[in-house]
Amino acid sequence: MLTEEKIKEVLTQVIDPELNRNLVDLGMVRQIDLKGGRVKIQLALTFAGCPLKEQIAEEARKAVLSLEGVEEVEIEMTEMTDEERRRIGIGSQKQGVAEPFNKIAHVLAVMSGKGGVGKSLISALLALALREKGQSVGILDADITGPSIPKMFGLKERPSGGPMGIKPVESKKGIKIMSINLLLPEEDIAVIWRGPLISSAIRQFWSDVLWGELDWLLIDLPPGTSDASLTVMQALPLSGVVLVSTPQELAEMVVRKAAWMALRMKVPLLGLIENMSYFVCPESGRAYEIFGRGRGEEMAARLGISFLGRVPIDPRIPSLCDAGEIESLPLDNFLSIASKVEKKVVF
């Protein structure tokens, strides 16, 4: 005989891909209605915008259909409450202590599905270019397990705290920065955290940090389309995403995944920047495409987004980043890239 207990039992075989736990243990199975061979199940997603909801629903449907006597399965989706999210360890969505005091005009995520393409560098250069143009700027380093922004800016000061929230550290040119590395006793200590803790830290950097009034808050995302990127797209009011790629075809393939994620999450894609596009010989002035023919414009056209520009290989960059002097790098044509980004977002 078909019972609610039997349905719950088969649903324990369905795993939430993000949290790696079954739907029943997570408390996602809200309600089960039985009418003969017809079953209606209400599932509570961790967040309404979960990009994997269709996959979860289909796997739940297949699991229940495998039971004898089941003819039809209907899945209804709803969203967990803050209390339910707290119970499974993914934090609350309530307003943070600093949020009432923050006024941020635009939140911009710098993203790529692939590592090593220079997202942190592009985040830093874009912040510096916007600052050069007279804008107030902050950088939220969302790469919790591989933060590099403080090193690039030569920051070692620990953020101070108060009743209104945590105060970010300011760079020489007045860019406000918050990173997990600024909170560690030593910069080379590894952060060995699972996804829910990473997501919680990012939300805290948004809601408990006293950013004040900013024209731009740039989010430096880690590689991939997992926890950090998902949290930023779900929990932060993004004005848009800037994609970063390099000339290699492999990089293009993975960046397309990041673009797909942004589209699924209904976050505007502002454009694409091709980093390490070419090298200019200082003696001859001739440009060499060391990593192959640039395909940034073609890729942007295929994605239906703007091509924001090319950034060359510059031997000065590694030494300046290592010395914490990225602010000393001449911005050259990066100001034009920043102008294109500004035009894509209306104040």
C-alpha atoms as a PDB file:
ATOM      1  CA  MET A   1       0.000   0.000   0.000  1.00  0.00           C
ATOM      2  CA  LEU A   2       1.273   3.460  -0.930  1.00  0.00           C
ATOM      3  CA  THR A   3       1.932   5.613   2.154  1.00  0.00           C
ATOM      4  CA  GLU A   4       3.517   8.947   3.018  1.00  0.00           C
ATOM      5  CA  GLU A   5       6.279   7.082   4.868  1.00  0.00           C
ATOM      6  CA  LYS A   6       7.205   5.112   1.748  1.00  0.00           C
ATOM      7  CA  ILE A   7       7.372   8.307  -0.296  1.00  0.00           C
ATOM      8  CA  LYS A   8       9.626   9.965   2.280  1.00  0.00           C
ATOM      9  CA  GLU A   9      11.818   6.875   2.286  1.00  0.00           C
ATOM     10  CA  VAL A  10      12.497   7.078  -1.471  1.00  0.00           C
ATOM     11  CA  LEU A  11      13.033  10.834  -1.216  1.00  0.00           C
ATOM     12  CA  THR A  12      15.972  10.170   1.114  1.00  0.00           C
ATOM     13  CA  GLN A  13      17.720   8.923  -2.040  1.00  0.00           C
ATOM     14  CA  VAL A  14      17.469  12.382  -3.644  1.00  0.00           C
ATOM     15  CA  ILE A  15      20.454  14.574  -2.787  1.00  0.00           C
ATOM     16  CA  ASP A  16      20.624  18.372  -2.917  1.00  0.00           C
ATOM     17  CA  PRO A  17      23.763  18.871  -5.098  1.00  0.00           C
ATOM     18  CA  GLU A  18      24.807  22.049  -3.262  1.00  0.00           C
ATOM     19  CA  LEU A  19      24.504  20.798   0.318  1.00  0.00           C
ATOM     20  CA  ASN A  20      25.216  17.093  -0.378  1.00  0.00           C
ATOM     21  CA  ARG A  21      22.372  15.982   1.913  1.00  0.00           C
ATOM     22  CA  ASN A  22      19.063  14.323   1.124  1.00  0.00           C
ATOM     23  CA  LEU A  23      15.802  16.251   0.804  1.00  0.00           C
ATOM     24  CA  VAL A  24      14.186  14.694   3.876  1.00  0.00           C
ATOM     25  CA  ASP A  25      17.102  15.364   6.245  1.00  0.00           C
ATOM     26  CA  LEU A  26      17.256  18.953   4.970  1.00  0.00           C
ATOM     27  CA  GLY A  27      13.569  19.437   5.768  1.00  0.00           C
ATOM     28  CA  MET A  28      12.789  20.283   2.153  1.00  0.00           C
ATOM     29  CA  VAL A  29       9.783  17.946   1.991  1.00  0.00           C
ATOM     30  CA  ARG A  30       7.021  20.220   3.265  1.00  0.00           C
ATOM     31  CA  GLN A  31       3.871  18.337   2.346  1.00  0.00           C
ATOM     32  CA  ILE A  32       2.765  15.083   0.682  1.00  0.00           C
ATOM     33  CA  ASP A  33      -0.786  14.609  -0.634  1.00  0.00           C
ATOM     34  CA  LEU A  34      -2.049  11.211  -1.834  1.00  0.00           C
ATOM     35  CA  LYS A  35      -5.107  10.659  -4.032  1.00  0.00           C
ATOM     36  CA  GLY A  36      -5.127   7.136  -5.387  1.00  0.00           C
ATOM     37  CA  GLY A  37      -2.105   6.843  -7.662  1.00  0.00           C
ATOM     38  CA  ARG A  38      -1.595  10.609  -7.826  1.00  0.00           C
ATOM     39  CA  VAL A  39       1.021  12.170  -5.551  1.00  0.00           C
ATOM     40  CA  LYS A  40       1.540  15.888  -4.928  1.00  0.00           C
ATOM     41  CA  ILE A  41       4.715  16.954  -3.111  1.00  0.00           C
ATOM     42  CA  GLN A  42       5.633  20.414  -1.883  1.00  0.00           C
ATOM     43  CA  LEU A  43       9.397  20.991  -1.745  1.00  0.00           C
ATOM     44  CA  ALA A  44      10.933  23.981   0.056  1.00  0.00           C
ATOM     45  CA  LEU A  45      14.079  25.165  -1.758  1.00  0.00           C
ATOM     46  CA  THR A  46      16.857  26.817   0.226  1.00  0.00           C
ATOM     47  CA  PHE A  47      16.389  29.880  -2.038  1.00  0.00           C
ATOM     48  CA  ALA A  48      13.683  30.513  -4.618  1.00  0.00           C
ATOM     49  CA  GLY A  49      16.242  31.308  -7.331  1.00  0.00           C
ATOM     50  CA  CYS A  50      18.148  28.044  -6.955  1.00  0.00           C
ATOM     51  CA  PRO A  51      19.446  27.220 -10.484  1.00  0.00           C
ATOM     52  CA  LEU A  52      19.287  23.484  -9.717  1.00  0.00           C
ATOM     53  CA  LYS A  53      15.604  23.424  -8.786  1.00  0.00           C
ATOM     54  CA  GLU A  54      14.545  21.715 -12.011  1.00  0.00           C
ATOM     55  CA  GLN A  55      17.142  18.981 -11.496  1.00  0.00           C
ATOM     56  CA  ILE A  56      16.012  18.447  -7.884  1.00  0.00           C
ATOM     57  CA  ALA A  57      12.342  18.323  -8.912  1.00  0.00           C
ATOM     58  CA  GLU A  58      12.991  15.831 -11.708  1.00  0.00           C
ATOM     59  CA  GLU A  59      15.035  13.498  -9.486  1.00  0.00           C
ATOM     60  CA  ALA A  60      12.314  13.635  -6.797  1.00  0.00           C
ATOM     61  CA  ARG A  61       9.664  12.879  -9.417  1.00  0.00           C
ATOM     62  CA  LYS A  62      11.593   9.878 -10.759  1.00  0.00           C
ATOM     63  CA  ALA A  63      12.200   8.521  -7.254  1.00  0.00           C
ATOM     64  CA  VAL A  64       8.505   8.619  -6.348  1.00  0.00           C
ATOM     65  CA  LEU A  65       7.414   7.205  -9.723  1.00  0.00           C
ATOM     66  CA  SER A  66       9.557   4.156  -8.998  1.00  0.00           C
ATOM     67  CA  LEU A  67       7.124   3.180  -6.221  1.00  0.00           C
ATOM     68  CA  GLU A  68       4.467   0.619  -7.011  1.00  0.00           C
ATOM     69  CA  GLY A  69       1.036   2.173  -7.402  1.00  0.00           C
ATOM     70  CA  VAL A  70       2.232   5.679  -8.330  1.00  0.00           C
ATOM     71  CA  GLU A  71       0.764   6.902 -11.601  1.00  0.00           C
ATOM     72  CA  GLU A  72       1.453  10.626 -11.528  1.00  0.00           C
ATOM     73  CA  VAL A  73       3.706  12.944  -9.499  1.00  0.00           C
ATOM     74  CA  GLU A  74       3.291  16.716  -9.198  1.00  0.00           C
ATOM     75  CA  ILE A  75       6.074  18.779  -7.615  1.00  0.00           C
ATOM     76  CA  GLU A  76       5.291  22.197  -6.176  1.00  0.00           C
ATOM     77  CA  MET A  77       8.186  24.496  -5.246  1.00  0.00           C
ATOM     78  CA  THR A  78       8.301  26.976  -2.389  1.00  0.00           C
ATOM     79  CA  GLU A  79      11.107  28.604  -0.353  1.00  0.00           C
ATOM     80  CA  MET A  80      12.515  27.944   3.111  1.00  0.00           C
ATOM     81  CA  THR A  81      12.088  30.474   5.890  1.00  0.00           C
ATOM     82  CA  ASP A  82      15.091  32.119   7.567  1.00  0.00           C
ATOM     83  CA  GLU A  83      14.604  29.843  10.566  1.00  0.00           C
ATOM     84  CA  GLU A  84      14.626  26.723   8.366  1.00  0.00           C
ATOM     85  CA  ARG A  85      17.812  27.915   6.663  1.00  0.00           C
ATOM     86  CA  ARG A  86      19.445  28.516  10.038  1.00  0.00           C
ATOM     87  CA  ARG A  87      18.594  24.974  11.118  1.00  0.00           C
ATOM     88  CA  ILE A  88      20.557  23.482   8.233  1.00  0.00           C
ATOM     89  CA  GLY A  89      23.475  25.883   8.673  1.00  0.00           C
ATOM     90  CA  ILE A  90      23.243  28.213   5.702  1.00  0.00           C
ATOM     91  CA  GLY A  91      22.545  31.388   7.634  1.00  0.00           C
ATOM     92  CA  SER A  92      19.795  33.940   7.821  1.00  0.00           C
ATOM     93  CA  GLN A  93      18.727  36.469   5.228  1.00  0.00           C
ATOM     94  CA  LYS A  94      17.780  39.079   7.817  1.00  0.00           C
ATOM     95  CA  GLN A  95      19.251  42.549   7.578  1.00  0.00           C
ATOM     96  CA  GLY A  96      22.790  42.794   8.946  1.00  0.00           C
ATOM     97  CA  VAL A  97      23.964  45.291  11.550  1.00  0.00           C
ATOM     98  CA  ALA A  98      25.633  47.605   8.984  1.00  0.00           C
ATOM     99  CA  GLU A  99      23.028  47.447   6.201  1.00  0.00           C
ATOM    100  CA  PRO A 100      20.893  50.360   7.455  1.00  0.00           C
ATOM    101  CA  PHE A 101      23.956  52.620   7.244  1.00  0.00           C
ATOM    102  CA  ASN A 102      25.149  51.538   3.784  1.00  0.00           C
ATOM    103  CA  LYS A 103      24.155  53.290   0.592  1.00  0.00           C
ATOM    104  CA  ILE A 104      25.676  51.528  -2.408  1.00  0.00           C
ATOM    105  CA  ALA A 105      24.602  52.698  -5.839  1.00  0.00           C
ATOM    106  CA  HIS A 106      25.868  49.750  -7.890  1.00  0.00           C
ATOM    107  CA  VAL A 107      27.124  46.269  -7.084  1.00  0.00           C
ATOM    108  CA  LEU A 108      29.215  44.698  -9.825  1.00  0.00           C
ATOM    109  CA  ALA A 109      30.517  41.113  -9.874  1.00  0.00           C
ATOM    110  CA  VAL A 110      33.695  40.190 -11.770  1.00  0.00           C
ATOM    111  CA  MET A 111      33.361  36.573 -12.832  1.00  0.00           C
ATOM    112  CA  SER A 112      34.813  33.767 -14.903  1.00  0.00           C
ATOM    113  CA  GLY A 113      34.155  30.072 -14.790  1.00  0.00           C
ATOM    114  CA  LYS A 114      37.907  29.459 -15.078  1.00  0.00           C
ATOM    115  CA  GLY A 115      40.763  30.108 -12.664  1.00  0.00           C
ATOM    116  CA  GLY A 116      43.929  31.950 -13.658  1.00  0.00           C
ATOM    117  CA  VAL A 117      42.354  34.394 -16.089  1.00  0.00           C
ATOM    118  CA  GLY A 118      43.000  37.415 -13.861  1.00  0.00           C
ATOM    119  CA  LYS A 119      39.665  38.197 -12.201  1.00  0.00           C
ATOM    120  CA  SER A 120      41.328  39.753  -9.158  1.00  0.00           C
ATOM    121  CA  LEU A 121      43.578  41.892 -11.352  1.00  0.00           C
ATOM    122  CA  ILE A 122      40.627  43.068 -13.443  1.00  0.00           C
ATOM    123  CA  SER A 123      38.666  43.785 -10.237  1.00  0.00           C
ATOM    124  CA  ALA A 124      41.575  45.864  -8.923  1.00  0.00           C
ATOM    125  CA  LEU A 125      42.146  47.747 -12.198  1.00  0.00           C
ATOM    126  CA  LEU A 126      38.455  48.422 -12.659  1.00  0.00           C
ATOM    127  CA  ALA A 127      38.238  49.742  -9.091  1.00  0.00           C
ATOM    128  CA  LEU A 128      41.280  51.968  -9.645  1.00  0.00           C
ATOM    129  CA  ALA A 129      39.940  53.275 -12.961  1.00  0.00           C
ATOM    130  CA  LEU A 130      36.557  54.125 -11.447  1.00  0.00           C
ATOM    131  CA  ARG A 131      38.320  55.780  -8.515  1.00  0.00           C
ATOM    132  CA  GLU A 132      40.466  57.779 -10.968  1.00  0.00           C
ATOM    133  CA  LYS A 133      37.253  59.009 -12.554  1.00  0.00           C
ATOM    134  CA  GLY A 134      36.129  60.423  -9.218  1.00  0.00           C
ATOM    135  CA  GLN A 135      33.867  57.580  -8.069  1.00  0.00           C
ATOM    136  CA  SER A 136      33.789  56.153  -4.537  1.00  0.00           C
ATOM    137  CA  VAL A 137      34.664  52.453  -4.737  1.00  0.00           C
ATOM    138  CA  GLY A 138      34.894  49.337  -2.580  1.00  0.00           C
ATOM    139  CA  ILE A 139      36.043  45.773  -3.257  1.00  0.00           C
ATOM    140  CA  LEU A 140      34.447  42.771  -1.563  1.00  0.00           C
ATOM    141  CA  ASP A 141      36.848  39.849  -1.938  1.00  0.00           C
ATOM    142  CA  ALA A 142      34.485  36.886  -2.286  1.00  0.00           C
ATOM    143  CA  ASP A 143      37.315  34.450  -3.025  1.00  0.00           C
ATOM    144  CA  ILE A 144      37.257  33.136   0.533  1.00  0.00           C
ATOM    145  CA  THR A 145      39.673  30.233   0.030  1.00  0.00           C
ATOM    146  CA  GLY A 146      42.064  32.039  -2.340  1.00  0.00           C
ATOM    147  CA  PRO A 147      42.015  35.762  -1.514  1.00  0.00           C
ATOM    148  CA  SER A 148      44.587  37.954  -3.258  1.00  0.00           C
ATOM    149  CA  ILE A 149      43.195  41.498  -3.183  1.00  0.00           C
ATOM    150  CA  PRO A 150      44.897  42.583   0.110  1.00  0.00           C
ATOM    151  CA  LYS A 151      48.305  41.389  -1.164  1.00  0.00           C
ATOM    152  CA  MET A 152      47.930  43.348  -4.406  1.00  0.00           C
ATOM    153  CA  PHE A 153      47.125  46.554  -2.509  1.00  0.00           C
ATOM    154  CA  GLY A 154      49.765  45.984   0.198  1.00  0.00           C
ATOM    155  CA  LEU A 155      47.183  45.869   3.005  1.00  0.00           C
ATOM    156  CA  LYS A 156      48.012  44.285   6.352  1.00  0.00           C
ATOM    157  CA  GLU A 157      45.896  46.388   8.697  1.00  0.00           C
ATOM    158  CA  ARG A 158      43.091  44.472  10.399  1.00  0.00           C
ATOM    159  CA  PRO A 159      39.555  45.830  10.013  1.00  0.00           C
ATOM    160  CA  SER A 160      38.203  47.545  13.113  1.00  0.00           C
ATOM    161  CA  GLY A 161      34.741  46.877  14.524  1.00  0.00           C
ATOM    162  CA  GLY A 162      32.082  48.889  16.290  1.00  0.00           C
ATOM    163  CA  PRO A 163      28.372  48.907  17.095  1.00  0.00           C
ATOM    164  CA  MET A 164      27.573  49.911  13.490  1.00  0.00           C
ATOM    165  CA  GLY A 165      29.568  47.083  11.937  1.00  0.00           C
ATOM    166  CA  ILE A 166      33.034  46.171  10.682  1.00  0.00           C
ATOM    167  CA  LYS A 167      34.985  48.975   9.032  1.00  0.00           C
ATOM    168  CA  PRO A 168      36.758  47.929   5.814  1.00  0.00           C
ATOM    169  CA  VAL A 169      40.427  48.767   5.312  1.00  0.00           C
ATOM    170  CA  GLU A 170      41.195  51.602   2.899  1.00  0.00           C
ATOM    171  CA  SER A 171      43.939  51.541   0.256  1.00  0.00           C
ATOM    172  CA  LYS A 172      46.252  54.487  -0.419  1.00  0.00           C
ATOM    173  CA  LYS A 173      43.850  55.857  -3.016  1.00  0.00           C
ATOM    174  CA  GLY A 174      40.805  55.423  -0.789  1.00  0.00           C
ATOM    175  CA  ILE A 175      39.366  52.160  -2.080  1.00  0.00           C
ATOM    176  CA  LYS A 176      37.510  50.338   0.708  1.00  0.00           C
ATOM    177  CA  ILE A 177      38.448  46.657   0.896  1.00  0.00           C
ATOM    178  CA  MET A 178      37.182  43.657   2.862  1.00  0.00           C
ATOM    179  CA  SER A 179      38.763  40.233   2.552  1.00  0.00           C
ATOM    180  CA  ILE A 180      39.032  37.135   4.724  1.00  0.00           C
ATOM    181  CA  ASN A 181      42.823  37.520   4.588  1.00  0.00           C
ATOM    182  CA  LEU A 182      42.544  40.766   6.548  1.00  0.00           C
ATOM    183  CA  LEU A 183      40.965  38.800   9.409  1.00  0.00           C
ATOM    184  CA  LEU A 184      43.511  35.969   9.581  1.00  0.00           C
ATOM    185  CA  PRO A 185      46.452  36.041  12.025  1.00  0.00           C
ATOM    186  CA  GLU A 186      48.825  35.201   9.130  1.00  0.00           C
ATOM    187  CA  GLU A 187      48.142  35.815   5.431  1.00  0.00           C
ATOM    188  CA  ASP A 188      49.236  32.314   4.380  1.00  0.00           C
ATOM    189  CA  ILE A 189      46.867  30.429   6.715  1.00  0.00           C
ATOM    190  CA  ALA A 190      44.433  28.337   4.673  1.00  0.00           C
ATOM    191  CA  VAL A 191      40.678  28.738   5.059  1.00  0.00           C
ATOM    192  CA  ILE A 192      39.359  25.159   4.992  1.00  0.00           C
ATOM    193  CA  TRP A 193      35.607  25.651   4.903  1.00  0.00           C
ATOM    194  CA  ARG A 194      32.647  23.903   3.343  1.00  0.00           C
ATOM    195  CA  GLY A 195      30.189  25.728   1.098  1.00  0.00           C
ATOM    196  CA  PRO A 196      27.679  26.914   3.739  1.00  0.00           C
ATOM    197  CA  LEU A 197      30.413  28.660   5.753  1.00  0.00           C
ATOM    198  CA  ILE A 198      31.785  30.332   2.620  1.00  0.00           C
ATOM    199  CA  SER A 199      28.305  31.553   1.737  1.00  0.00           C
ATOM    200  CA  SER A 200      27.776  32.838   5.278  1.00  0.00           C
ATOM    201  CA  ALA A 201      31.070  34.784   5.196  1.00  0.00           C
ATOM    202  CA  ILE A 202      30.145  36.470   1.906  1.00  0.00           C
ATOM    203  CA  ARG A 203      26.757  37.507   3.258  1.00  0.00           C
ATOM    204  CA  GLN A 204      28.466  38.918   6.357  1.00  0.00           C
ATOM    205  CA  PHE A 205      30.889  40.908   4.201  1.00  0.00           C
ATOM    206  CA  TRP A 206      27.829  42.438   2.570  1.00  0.00           C
ATOM    207  CA  SER A 207      25.579  43.007   5.567  1.00  0.00           C
ATOM    208  CA  ASP A 208      27.927  43.461   8.544  1.00  0.00           C
ATOM    209  CA  VAL A 209      30.614  45.624   6.905  1.00  0.00           C
ATOM    210  CA  LEU A 210      30.181  49.388   7.165  1.00  0.00           C
ATOM    211  CA  TRP A 211      30.746  50.310   3.506  1.00  0.00           C
ATOM    212  CA  GLY A 212      29.024  53.680   3.903  1.00  0.00           C
ATOM    213  CA  GLU A 213      28.177  55.558   0.699  1.00  0.00           C
ATOM    214  CA  LEU A 214      29.697  54.034  -2.424  1.00  0.00           C
ATOM    215  CA  ASP A 215      29.156  54.552  -6.116  1.00  0.00           C
ATOM    216  CA  TRP A 216      30.515  51.070  -6.825  1.00  0.00           C
ATOM    217  CA  LEU A 217      31.088  47.893  -4.851  1.00  0.00           C
ATOM    218  CA  LEU A 218      33.031  45.354  -6.909  1.00  0.00           C
ATOM    219  CA  ILE A 219      32.750  41.671  -6.009  1.00  0.00           C
ATOM    220  CA  ASP A 220      35.846  39.636  -6.860  1.00  0.00           C
ATOM    221  CA  LEU A 221      34.452  36.134  -7.351  1.00  0.00           C
ATOM    222  CA  PRO A 222      36.439  32.871  -7.227  1.00  0.00           C
ATOM    223  CA  PRO A 223      36.490  30.501 -10.218  1.00  0.00           C
ATOM    224  CA  GLY A 224      33.495  28.345 -10.983  1.00  0.00           C
ATOM    225  CA  THR A 225      29.736  28.490 -10.676  1.00  0.00           C
ATOM    226  CA  SER A 226      29.348  27.046  -7.194  1.00  0.00           C
ATOM    227  CA  ASP A 227      28.723  28.333  -3.660  1.00  0.00           C
ATOM    228  CA  ALA A 228      30.321  31.785  -3.753  1.00  0.00           C
ATOM    229  CA  SER A 229      28.912  32.787  -7.137  1.00  0.00           C
ATOM    230  CA  LEU A 230      25.497  31.389  -6.248  1.00  0.00           C
ATOM    231  CA  THR A 231      25.406  33.282  -2.949  1.00  0.00           C
ATOM    232  CA  VAL A 232      26.397  36.577  -4.593  1.00  0.00           C
ATOM    233  CA  MET A 233      23.759  36.219  -7.308  1.00  0.00           C
ATOM    234  CA  GLN A 234      21.022  35.190  -4.889  1.00  0.00           C
ATOM    235  CA  ALA A 235      21.714  37.368  -1.851  1.00  0.00           C
ATOM    236  CA  LEU A 236      23.224  40.614  -3.236  1.00  0.00           C
ATOM    237  CA  PRO A 237      21.464  43.262  -5.368  1.00  0.00           C
ATOM    238  CA  LEU A 238      23.736  42.941  -8.389  1.00  0.00           C
ATOM    239  CA  SER A 239      23.678  45.639 -11.048  1.00  0.00           C
ATOM    240  CA  GLY A 240      25.481  43.284 -13.379  1.00  0.00           C
ATOM    241  CA  VAL A 241      28.346  40.900 -14.112  1.00  0.00           C
ATOM    242  CA  VAL A 242      31.565  41.534 -16.033  1.00  0.00           C
ATOM    243  CA  LEU A 243      33.061  38.368 -17.529  1.00  0.00           C
ATOM    244  CA  VAL A 244      36.826  37.863 -17.805  1.00  0.00           C
ATOM    245  CA  SER A 245      38.450  35.549 -20.331  1.00  0.00           C
ATOM    246  CA  THR A 246      41.792  34.939 -22.044  1.00  0.00           C
ATOM    247  CA  PRO A 247      42.453  34.109 -25.711  1.00  0.00           C
ATOM    248  CA  GLN A 248      42.597  30.316 -25.291  1.00  0.00           C
ATOM    249  CA  GLU A 249      39.634  28.327 -26.543  1.00  0.00           C
ATOM    250  CA  LEU A 250      39.604  26.369 -23.261  1.00  0.00           C
ATOM    251  CA  ALA A 251      39.043  29.588 -21.300  1.00  0.00           C
ATOM    252  CA  GLU A 252      36.214  30.549 -23.630  1.00  0.00           C
ATOM    253  CA  MET A 253      34.461  27.232 -23.090  1.00  0.00           C
ATOM    254  CA  VAL A 254      34.491  27.593 -19.292  1.00  0.00           C
ATOM    255  CA  VAL A 255      33.560  31.289 -19.332  1.00  0.00           C
ATOM    256  CA  ARG A 256      30.456  30.373 -21.317  1.00  0.00           C
ATOM    257  CA  LYS A 257      29.372  28.343 -18.281  1.00  0.00           C
ATOM    258  CA  ALA A 258      29.638  31.461 -16.096  1.00  0.00           C
ATOM    259  CA  ALA A 259      27.599  33.396 -18.655  1.00  0.00           C
ATOM    260  CA  TRP A 260      24.975  30.652 -18.661  1.00  0.00           C
ATOM    261  CA  MET A 261      24.747  30.819 -14.866  1.00  0.00           C
ATOM    262  CA  ALA A 262      24.261  34.607 -14.881  1.00  0.00           C
ATOM    263  CA  LEU A 263      21.525  34.296 -17.481  1.00  0.00           C
ATOM    264  CA  ARG A 264      19.770  31.550 -15.502  1.00  0.00           C
ATOM    265  CA  MET A 265      19.917  33.721 -12.394  1.00  0.00           C
ATOM    266  CA  LYS A 266      18.584  36.701 -14.393  1.00  0.00           C
ATOM    267  CA  VAL A 267      21.625  38.874 -13.620  1.00  0.00           C
ATOM    268  CA  PRO A 268      22.569  41.376 -16.373  1.00  0.00           C
ATOM    269  CA  LEU A 269      25.742  40.578 -18.313  1.00  0.00           C
ATOM    270  CA  LEU A 270      27.434  43.945 -18.843  1.00  0.00           C
ATOM    271  CA  GLY A 271      30.188  42.668 -21.104  1.00  0.00           C
ATOM    272  CA  LEU A 272      33.404  40.733 -21.498  1.00  0.00           C
ATOM    273  CA  ILE A 273      37.053  41.702 -20.999  1.00  0.00           C
ATOM    274  CA  GLU A 274      39.842  39.698 -22.621  1.00  0.00           C
ATOM    275  CA  ASN A 275      42.863  39.640 -20.310  1.00  0.00           C
ATOM    276  CA  MET A 276      46.440  38.715 -21.334  1.00  0.00           C
ATOM    277  CA  SER A 277      45.346  39.406 -24.887  1.00  0.00           C
ATOM    278  CA  TYR A 278      48.708  40.368 -26.353  1.00  0.00           C
ATOM    279  CA  PHE A 279      52.228  41.557 -25.499  1.00  0.00           C
ATOM    280  CA  VAL A 280      53.793  44.738 -26.877  1.00  0.00           C
ATOM    281  CA  CYS A 281      57.537  44.482 -27.427  1.00  0.00           C
ATOM    282  CA  PRO A 282      59.097  47.559 -25.765  1.00  0.00           C
ATOM    283  CA  GLU A 283      61.844  47.769 -28.431  1.00  0.00           C
ATOM    284  CA  SER A 284      59.868  47.377 -31.622  1.00  0.00           C
ATOM    285  CA  GLY A 285      56.396  48.351 -30.431  1.00  0.00           C
ATOM    286  CA  ARG A 286      55.029  45.295 -32.226  1.00  0.00           C
ATOM    287  CA  ALA A 287      52.150  43.379 -30.619  1.00  0.00           C
ATOM    288  CA  TYR A 288      52.422  39.596 -30.215  1.00  0.00           C
ATOM    289  CA  GLU A 289      49.451  37.341 -29.422  1.00  0.00           C
ATOM    290  CA  ILE A 290      51.324  34.968 -27.124  1.00  0.00           C
ATOM    291  CA  PHE A 291      48.295  32.893 -26.138  1.00  0.00           C
ATOM    292  CA  GLY A 292      46.874  32.734 -29.644  1.00  0.00           C
ATOM    293  CA  ARG A 293      44.508  34.852 -31.637  1.00  0.00           C
ATOM    294  CA  GLY A 294      42.218  36.965 -29.532  1.00  0.00           C
ATOM    295  CA  ARG A 295      38.642  35.733 -29.716  1.00  0.00           C
ATOM    296  CA  GLY A 296      37.049  38.052 -27.166  1.00  0.00           C
ATOM    297  CA  GLU A 297      34.963  40.029 -29.651  1.00  0.00           C
ATOM    298  CA  GLU A 298      33.685  36.860 -31.297  1.00  0.00           C
ATOM    299  CA  MET A 299      32.842  35.316 -27.946  1.00  0.00           C
ATOM    300  CA  ALA A 300      30.997  38.436 -26.785  1.00  0.00           C
ATOM    301  CA  ALA A 301      29.031  38.471 -30.046  1.00  0.00           C
ATOM    302  CA  ARG A 302      28.061  34.813 -29.591  1.00  0.00           C
ATOM    303  CA  LEU A 303      26.863  35.576 -26.057  1.00  0.00           C
ATOM    304  CA  GLY A 304      24.983  38.652 -27.253  1.00  0.00           C
ATOM    305  CA  ILE A 305      26.889  40.999 -24.918  1.00  0.00           C
ATOM    306  CA  SER A 306      29.284  43.922 -25.303  1.00  0.00           C
ATOM    307  CA  PHE A 307      33.010  43.489 -25.760  1.00  0.00           C
ATOM    308  CA  LEU A 308      34.550  45.885 -23.234  1.00  0.00           C
ATOM    309  CA  GLY A 309      38.178  45.659 -24.338  1.00  0.00           C
ATOM    310  CA  ARG A 310      41.525  43.892 -24.322  1.00  0.00           C
ATOM    311  CA  VAL A 311      44.101  44.035 -21.529  1.00  0.00           C
ATOM    312  CA  PRO A 312      47.698  43.307 -22.611  1.00  0.00           C
ATOM    313  CA  ILE A 313      50.343  41.263 -20.823  1.00  0.00           C
ATOM    314  CA  ASP A 314      52.376  43.765 -18.827  1.00  0.00           C
ATOM    315  CA  PRO A 315      55.619  42.596 -17.141  1.00  0.00           C
ATOM    316  CA  ARG A 316      55.187  45.317 -14.528  1.00  0.00           C
ATOM    317  CA  ILE A 317      52.020  43.762 -13.133  1.00  0.00           C
ATOM    318  CA  PRO A 318      53.511  40.698 -11.334  1.00  0.00           C
ATOM    319  CA  SER A 319      56.207  42.732  -9.590  1.00  0.00           C
ATOM    320  CA  LEU A 320      53.775  45.487  -8.551  1.00  0.00           C
ATOM    321  CA  CYS A 321      51.247  42.966  -7.230  1.00  0.00           C
ATOM    322  CA  ASP A 322      53.948  41.113  -5.284  1.00  0.00           C
ATOM    323  CA  ALA A 323      55.111  44.410  -3.777  1.00  0.00           C
ATOM    324  CA  GLY A 324      51.556  45.497  -2.939  1.00  0.00           C
ATOM    325  CA  GLU A 325      51.851  48.445  -5.307  1.00  0.00           C
ATOM    326  CA  ILE A 326      49.128  47.759  -7.865  1.00  0.00           C
ATOM    327  CA  GLU A 327      47.950  51.355  -7.377  1.00  0.00           C
ATOM    328  CA  SER A 328      51.195  52.522  -9.000  1.00  0.00           C
ATOM    329  CA  LEU A 329      50.379  50.856 -12.316  1.00  0.00           C
ATOM    330  CA  PRO A 330      49.499  53.339 -15.093  1.00  0.00           C
ATOM    331  CA  LEU A 331      45.913  52.681 -16.100  1.00  0.00           C
ATOM    332  CA  ASP A 332      46.500  53.458 -19.795  1.00  0.00           C
ATOM    333  CA  ASN A 333      43.537  52.163 -21.791  1.00  0.00           C
ATOM    334  CA  PHE A 334      41.738  50.688 -18.765  1.00  0.00           C
ATOM    335  CA  LEU A 335      40.021  54.024 -18.213  1.00  0.00           C
ATOM    336  CA  SER A 336      38.157  53.492 -21.479  1.00  0.00           C
ATOM    337  CA  ILE A 337      37.024  50.058 -20.270  1.00  0.00           C
ATOM    338  CA  ALA A 338      35.730  51.618 -17.050  1.00  0.00           C
ATOM    339  CA  SER A 339      33.844  54.212 -19.107  1.00  0.00           C
ATOM    340  CA  LYS A 340      32.137  51.447 -21.086  1.00  0.00           C
ATOM    341  CA  VAL A 341      31.098  49.746 -17.843  1.00  0.00           C
ATOM    342  CA  GLU A 342      29.709  53.032 -16.509  1.00  0.00           C
ATOM    343  CA  LYS A 343      27.607  53.502 -19.642  1.00  0.00           C
ATOM    344  CA  LYS A 344      26.141  50.020 -19.217  1.00  0.00           C
ATOM    345  CA  VAL A 345      24.819  50.893 -15.753  1.00  0.00           C
ATOM    346  CA  VAL A 346      22.536  53.874 -15.334  1.00  0.00           C
ATOM    347  CA  PHE A 347      22.831  55.774 -12.060  1.00  0.00           C
END
